[in-house]
Amino acid sequence: MGASFKDLIVWQRAVELSVVTYKLTAAFPSSERFGLTNQLRRASVSVASNIAEGYGRATKSEYVQFLGHVRGSSSEVETQLISAKKVGFGKKPDLEAAQHLCADVSRLVGGLMKSLRR
């Protein structure tokens, strides 16, 4: 592992996901400010935050546990992006970028969990 959680590609992609999500949801209707906008933003920030928090924990098993939370939040983001797309919120390229990053983060977290369990 690197010297910091900031060295992890998965954390870097997760931060990108939260930035893309904030930009995407800025175009959502104002009536969604406390609905899907808030949910997506909170869940996307949670992804990167849990990677960082898990990295800072004392044991490998705690780290893996936090990465499990990351997988849950990533699935939550994925579901909310699907919902946003189905109701016509956001621009298609922005939605696709967020969905791609979400899938990338999920894949990278799975690999990190697998390597930590060895």
N, C-alpha and C. Protein backbone atom coordinates (compact mmCIF):
# COMPACT_ATOMS: atom_id res chain seq x y z
N MET A 1 0.83 -1.19 0.00
CA MET A 1 0.00 0.00 0.00
C MET A 1 0.87 1.24 0.00
N GLY A 2 0.27 2.33 -0.44
CA GLY A 2 0.99 3.60 -0.48
C GLY A 2 1.07 4.22 0.91
N ALA A 3 1.64 5.39 0.95
CA ALA A 3 1.82 6.10 2.21
C ALA A 3 0.53 6.74 2.70
N SER A 4 -0.44 6.86 1.82
CA SER A 4 -1.69 7.53 2.16
C SER A 4 -2.84 6.94 1.34
N PHE A 5 -4.05 7.07 1.85
CA PHE A 5 -5.23 6.65 1.09
C PHE A 5 -5.33 7.44 -0.21
N LYS A 6 -4.73 8.63 -0.24
CA LYS A 6 -4.78 9.47 -1.44
C LYS A 6 -3.99 8.88 -2.59
N ASP A 7 -3.11 7.92 -2.29
CA ASP A 7 -2.33 7.24 -3.32
C ASP A 7 -3.14 6.14 -4.02
N LEU A 8 -4.26 5.76 -3.43
CA LEU A 8 -5.07 4.67 -3.98
C LEU A 8 -5.87 5.15 -5.19
N ILE A 9 -5.75 4.42 -6.29
CA ILE A 9 -6.51 4.74 -7.51
C ILE A 9 -8.01 4.69 -7.21
N VAL A 10 -8.44 3.74 -6.40
CA VAL A 10 -9.87 3.61 -6.09
C VAL A 10 -10.38 4.86 -5.36
N TRP A 11 -9.58 5.40 -4.46
CA TRP A 11 -9.99 6.63 -3.76
C TRP A 11 -10.04 7.79 -4.73
N GLN A 12 -9.05 7.89 -5.61
CA GLN A 12 -9.02 8.98 -6.60
C GLN A 12 -10.24 8.92 -7.51
N ARG A 13 -10.62 7.71 -7.95
CA ARG A 13 -11.80 7.55 -8.81
C ARG A 13 -13.08 7.87 -8.03
N ALA A 14 -13.09 7.51 -6.75
CA ALA A 14 -14.26 7.80 -5.91
C ALA A 14 -14.45 9.31 -5.73
N VAL A 15 -13.37 10.03 -5.59
CA VAL A 15 -13.46 11.49 -5.50
C VAL A 15 -13.99 12.05 -6.82
N GLU A 16 -13.48 11.52 -7.94
CA GLU A 16 -13.99 11.93 -9.25
C GLU A 16 -15.49 11.67 -9.34
N LEU A 17 -15.92 10.52 -8.82
CA LEU A 17 -17.34 10.18 -8.83
C LEU A 17 -18.15 11.22 -8.07
N SER A 18 -17.68 11.64 -6.91
CA SER A 18 -18.44 12.62 -6.14
C SER A 18 -18.47 13.97 -6.86
N VAL A 19 -17.38 14.36 -7.50
CA VAL A 19 -17.35 15.63 -8.23
C VAL A 19 -18.31 15.58 -9.42
N VAL A 20 -18.26 14.50 -10.19
CA VAL A 20 -19.16 14.33 -11.33
C VAL A 20 -20.62 14.32 -10.85
N THR A 21 -20.86 13.67 -9.72
CA THR A 21 -22.22 13.60 -9.18
C THR A 21 -22.72 14.98 -8.78
N TYR A 22 -21.88 15.77 -8.15
CA TYR A 22 -22.28 17.14 -7.77
C TYR A 22 -22.61 17.96 -9.02
N LYS A 23 -21.80 17.84 -10.05
CA LYS A 23 -22.05 18.58 -11.29
C LYS A 23 -23.33 18.09 -11.95
N LEU A 24 -23.52 16.79 -11.98
CA LEU A 24 -24.72 16.19 -12.57
C LEU A 24 -25.98 16.68 -11.86
N THR A 25 -25.96 16.60 -10.54
CA THR A 25 -27.17 16.94 -9.78
C THR A 25 -27.45 18.44 -9.75
N ALA A 26 -26.47 19.25 -10.10
CA ALA A 26 -26.70 20.71 -10.18
C ALA A 26 -27.75 21.03 -11.24
N ALA A 27 -27.90 20.14 -12.22
CA ALA A 27 -28.86 20.34 -13.29
C ALA A 27 -30.23 19.71 -12.99
N PHE A 28 -30.34 19.03 -11.85
CA PHE A 28 -31.63 18.42 -11.48
C PHE A 28 -32.62 19.52 -11.11
N PRO A 29 -33.91 19.23 -11.22
CA PRO A 29 -34.92 20.22 -10.83
C PRO A 29 -34.76 20.64 -9.36
N SER A 30 -35.04 21.88 -9.06
CA SER A 30 -34.91 22.37 -7.68
C SER A 30 -35.84 21.62 -6.73
N SER A 31 -36.92 21.06 -7.25
CA SER A 31 -37.84 20.28 -6.42
C SER A 31 -37.18 19.00 -5.89
N GLU A 32 -36.06 18.61 -6.48
CA GLU A 32 -35.34 17.41 -6.05
C GLU A 32 -34.21 17.72 -5.08
N ARG A 33 -34.08 18.96 -4.65
CA ARG A 33 -32.98 19.36 -3.78
C ARG A 33 -32.89 18.49 -2.53
N PHE A 34 -34.03 18.14 -1.96
CA PHE A 34 -34.04 17.31 -0.75
C PHE A 34 -34.36 15.85 -1.05
N GLY A 35 -34.45 15.53 -2.32
CA GLY A 35 -34.75 14.16 -2.73
C GLY A 35 -33.53 13.50 -3.34
N LEU A 36 -33.65 13.21 -4.62
CA LEU A 36 -32.60 12.48 -5.32
C LEU A 36 -31.26 13.22 -5.34
N THR A 37 -31.29 14.54 -5.45
CA THR A 37 -30.05 15.32 -5.43
C THR A 37 -29.28 15.08 -4.14
N ASN A 38 -29.97 15.23 -3.03
CA ASN A 38 -29.33 15.05 -1.72
C ASN A 38 -28.84 13.62 -1.54
N GLN A 39 -29.68 12.65 -1.91
CA GLN A 39 -29.32 11.24 -1.75
C GLN A 39 -28.08 10.88 -2.56
N LEU A 40 -28.06 11.31 -3.82
CA LEU A 40 -26.93 11.00 -4.69
C LEU A 40 -25.64 11.64 -4.18
N ARG A 41 -25.73 12.88 -3.77
CA ARG A 41 -24.55 13.57 -3.28
C ARG A 41 -24.00 12.92 -2.02
N ARG A 42 -24.88 12.61 -1.09
CA ARG A 42 -24.43 12.00 0.17
C ARG A 42 -23.81 10.63 -0.08
N ALA A 43 -24.46 9.82 -0.91
CA ALA A 43 -23.95 8.47 -1.17
C ALA A 43 -22.62 8.52 -1.91
N SER A 44 -22.48 9.43 -2.87
CA SER A 44 -21.23 9.49 -3.63
C SER A 44 -20.07 9.97 -2.76
N VAL A 45 -20.32 10.91 -1.88
CA VAL A 45 -19.27 11.37 -0.96
C VAL A 45 -18.91 10.26 0.03
N SER A 46 -19.90 9.48 0.41
CA SER A 46 -19.68 8.37 1.33
C SER A 46 -18.71 7.33 0.77
N VAL A 47 -18.72 7.15 -0.54
CA VAL A 47 -17.84 6.17 -1.17
C VAL A 47 -16.38 6.51 -0.87
N ALA A 48 -15.95 7.71 -1.22
CA ALA A 48 -14.56 8.12 -0.99
C ALA A 48 -14.25 8.22 0.50
N SER A 49 -15.20 8.70 1.27
CA SER A 49 -14.99 8.87 2.71
C SER A 49 -14.75 7.55 3.41
N ASN A 50 -15.49 6.52 3.04
CA ASN A 50 -15.32 5.21 3.67
C ASN A 50 -14.03 4.53 3.26
N ILE A 51 -13.56 4.80 2.04
CA ILE A 51 -12.25 4.28 1.65
C ILE A 51 -11.18 4.89 2.56
N ALA A 52 -11.26 6.21 2.73
CA ALA A 52 -10.28 6.91 3.57
C ALA A 52 -10.38 6.45 5.02
N GLU A 53 -11.59 6.35 5.54
CA GLU A 53 -11.75 5.96 6.94
C GLU A 53 -11.26 4.54 7.17
N GLY A 54 -11.59 3.64 6.27
CA GLY A 54 -11.12 2.25 6.40
C GLY A 54 -9.61 2.15 6.36
N TYR A 55 -9.01 2.93 5.48
CA TYR A 55 -7.55 2.94 5.36
C TYR A 55 -6.90 3.35 6.68
N GLY A 56 -7.55 4.25 7.38
CA GLY A 56 -6.99 4.76 8.64
C GLY A 56 -7.28 3.88 9.85
N ARG A 57 -8.02 2.82 9.67
CA ARG A 57 -8.33 1.93 10.80
C ARG A 57 -7.12 1.09 11.20
N ALA A 58 -7.22 0.52 12.39
CA ALA A 58 -6.08 -0.18 12.99
C ALA A 58 -5.81 -1.56 12.40
N THR A 59 -6.85 -2.23 11.91
CA THR A 59 -6.64 -3.60 11.44
C THR A 59 -7.14 -3.78 10.00
N LYS A 60 -6.62 -4.81 9.39
CA LYS A 60 -7.01 -5.14 8.03
C LYS A 60 -8.50 -5.52 7.97
N SER A 61 -8.97 -6.22 8.98
CA SER A 61 -10.38 -6.63 8.97
C SER A 61 -11.32 -5.42 9.08
N GLU A 62 -10.91 -4.41 9.84
CA GLU A 62 -11.70 -3.18 9.90
C GLU A 62 -11.71 -2.48 8.54
N TYR A 63 -10.57 -2.48 7.89
CA TYR A 63 -10.46 -1.88 6.57
C TYR A 63 -11.41 -2.57 5.59
N VAL A 64 -11.39 -3.89 5.60
CA VAL A 64 -12.28 -4.66 4.72
C VAL A 64 -13.74 -4.35 5.05
N GLN A 65 -14.06 -4.20 6.32
CA GLN A 65 -15.42 -3.88 6.72
C GLN A 65 -15.85 -2.53 6.10
N PHE A 66 -15.00 -1.54 6.16
CA PHE A 66 -15.33 -0.24 5.57
C PHE A 66 -15.43 -0.33 4.05
N LEU A 67 -14.62 -1.17 3.45
CA LEU A 67 -14.74 -1.36 2.00
C LEU A 67 -16.07 -2.01 1.65
N GLY A 68 -16.61 -2.81 2.57
CA GLY A 68 -17.96 -3.34 2.39
C GLY A 68 -18.99 -2.23 2.38
N HIS A 69 -18.79 -1.23 3.23
CA HIS A 69 -19.68 -0.05 3.23
C HIS A 69 -19.56 0.69 1.90
N VAL A 70 -18.34 0.74 1.37
CA VAL A 70 -18.11 1.40 0.08
C VAL A 70 -18.92 0.69 -1.01
N ARG A 71 -18.88 -0.63 -1.00
CA ARG A 71 -19.65 -1.38 -2.01
C ARG A 71 -21.13 -1.09 -1.88
N GLY A 72 -21.62 -0.98 -0.66
CA GLY A 72 -23.03 -0.66 -0.44
C GLY A 72 -23.38 0.72 -0.96
N SER A 73 -22.55 1.70 -0.63
CA SER A 73 -22.79 3.07 -1.09
C SER A 73 -22.68 3.17 -2.61
N SER A 74 -21.75 2.44 -3.17
CA SER A 74 -21.58 2.44 -4.63
C SER A 74 -22.81 1.85 -5.31
N SER A 75 -23.36 0.81 -4.74
CA SER A 75 -24.60 0.22 -5.28
C SER A 75 -25.77 1.19 -5.14
N GLU A 76 -25.77 1.92 -4.05
CA GLU A 76 -26.80 2.95 -3.83
C GLU A 76 -26.70 4.03 -4.91
N VAL A 77 -25.48 4.50 -5.18
CA VAL A 77 -25.27 5.52 -6.22
C VAL A 77 -25.72 4.98 -7.57
N GLU A 78 -25.33 3.75 -7.87
CA GLU A 78 -25.70 3.13 -9.14
C GLU A 78 -27.22 3.08 -9.31
N THR A 79 -27.92 2.69 -8.27
CA THR A 79 -29.37 2.62 -8.31
C THR A 79 -29.99 4.01 -8.50
N GLN A 80 -29.47 5.00 -7.80
CA GLN A 80 -30.00 6.35 -7.91
C GLN A 80 -29.73 6.96 -9.28
N LEU A 81 -28.59 6.63 -9.87
CA LEU A 81 -28.30 7.09 -11.23
C LEU A 81 -29.27 6.48 -12.24
N ILE A 82 -29.60 5.22 -12.04
CA ILE A 82 -30.59 4.56 -12.91
C ILE A 82 -31.94 5.26 -12.77
N SER A 83 -32.33 5.55 -11.54
CA SER A 83 -33.59 6.24 -11.30
C SER A 83 -33.60 7.62 -11.96
N ALA A 84 -32.50 8.36 -11.80
CA ALA A 84 -32.39 9.70 -12.41
C ALA A 84 -32.53 9.61 -13.92
N LYS A 85 -31.89 8.63 -14.50
CA LYS A 85 -31.97 8.45 -15.95
C LYS A 85 -33.40 8.14 -16.39
N LYS A 86 -34.06 7.27 -15.64
CA LYS A 86 -35.42 6.87 -16.00
C LYS A 86 -36.43 8.01 -15.90
N VAL A 87 -36.20 8.93 -14.98
CA VAL A 87 -37.14 10.06 -14.85
C VAL A 87 -36.70 11.27 -15.67
N GLY A 88 -35.56 11.14 -16.35
CA GLY A 88 -35.11 12.19 -17.26
C GLY A 88 -34.34 13.32 -16.61
N PHE A 89 -33.72 13.07 -15.47
CA PHE A 89 -32.90 14.09 -14.81
C PHE A 89 -31.47 14.00 -15.31
N GLY A 90 -30.84 15.15 -15.50
CA GLY A 90 -29.44 15.19 -15.89
C GLY A 90 -29.22 14.98 -17.37
N LYS A 91 -28.06 15.39 -17.80
CA LYS A 91 -27.68 15.23 -19.20
C LYS A 91 -27.10 13.84 -19.40
N LYS A 92 -27.43 13.24 -20.54
CA LYS A 92 -27.01 11.87 -20.82
C LYS A 92 -25.49 11.67 -20.68
N PRO A 93 -24.64 12.55 -21.25
CA PRO A 93 -23.18 12.32 -21.09
C PRO A 93 -22.74 12.37 -19.63
N ASP A 94 -23.35 13.25 -18.84
CA ASP A 94 -22.99 13.34 -17.41
C ASP A 94 -23.44 12.10 -16.65
N LEU A 95 -24.63 11.62 -16.96
CA LEU A 95 -25.12 10.39 -16.34
C LEU A 95 -24.22 9.21 -16.69
N GLU A 96 -23.85 9.12 -17.96
CA GLU A 96 -22.99 8.01 -18.39
C GLU A 96 -21.61 8.08 -17.75
N ALA A 97 -21.07 9.29 -17.61
CA ALA A 97 -19.77 9.44 -16.95
C ALA A 97 -19.85 8.99 -15.50
N ALA A 98 -20.92 9.38 -14.81
CA ALA A 98 -21.11 8.97 -13.41
C ALA A 98 -21.28 7.46 -13.31
N GLN A 99 -22.06 6.88 -14.21
CA GLN A 99 -22.27 5.43 -14.19
C GLN A 99 -20.96 4.68 -14.46
N HIS A 100 -20.16 5.19 -15.38
CA HIS A 100 -18.87 4.56 -15.68
C HIS A 100 -17.94 4.61 -14.46
N LEU A 101 -17.86 5.78 -13.83
CA LEU A 101 -17.02 5.92 -12.64
C LEU A 101 -17.51 5.02 -11.51
N CYS A 102 -18.81 4.94 -11.35
CA CYS A 102 -19.39 4.10 -10.29
C CYS A 102 -19.01 2.62 -10.53
N ALA A 103 -19.12 2.17 -11.76
CA ALA A 103 -18.75 0.79 -12.08
C ALA A 103 -17.25 0.57 -11.86
N ASP A 104 -16.45 1.55 -12.23
CA ASP A 104 -15.00 1.46 -12.05
C ASP A 104 -14.65 1.35 -10.57
N VAL A 105 -15.26 2.19 -9.76
CA VAL A 105 -15.01 2.16 -8.31
C VAL A 105 -15.42 0.81 -7.74
N SER A 106 -16.57 0.31 -8.13
CA SER A 106 -17.04 -0.99 -7.63
C SER A 106 -16.05 -2.10 -7.96
N ARG A 107 -15.56 -2.09 -9.20
CA ARG A 107 -14.61 -3.10 -9.63
C ARG A 107 -13.30 -2.99 -8.84
N LEU A 108 -12.81 -1.78 -8.68
CA LEU A 108 -11.56 -1.56 -7.95
C LEU A 108 -11.69 -1.93 -6.47
N VAL A 109 -12.82 -1.61 -5.87
CA VAL A 109 -13.04 -1.97 -4.46
C VAL A 109 -13.06 -3.48 -4.30
N GLY A 110 -13.72 -4.17 -5.22
CA GLY A 110 -13.75 -5.62 -5.18
C GLY A 110 -12.35 -6.21 -5.23
N GLY A 111 -11.51 -5.68 -6.10
CA GLY A 111 -10.13 -6.15 -6.20
C GLY A 111 -9.32 -5.85 -4.95
N LEU A 112 -9.53 -4.67 -4.38
CA LEU A 112 -8.82 -4.31 -3.16
C LEU A 112 -9.23 -5.21 -2.00
N MET A 113 -10.52 -5.49 -1.90
CA MET A 113 -11.00 -6.38 -0.85
C MET A 113 -10.39 -7.77 -0.99
N LYS A 114 -10.35 -8.24 -2.22
CA LYS A 114 -9.79 -9.57 -2.49
C LYS A 114 -8.32 -9.62 -2.10
N SER A 115 -7.57 -8.58 -2.43
CA SER A 115 -6.14 -8.57 -2.10
C SER A 115 -5.91 -8.45 -0.60
N LEU A 116 -6.76 -7.75 0.11
CA LEU A 116 -6.61 -7.62 1.56
C LEU A 116 -6.97 -8.90 2.29
N ARG A 117 -7.85 -9.68 1.72
CA ARG A 117 -8.28 -10.93 2.37
C ARG A 117 -7.24 -12.05 2.21
N ARG A 118 -6.29 -11.88 1.30
CA ARG A 118 -5.26 -12.92 1.10
C ARG A 118 -4.30 -12.95 2.25
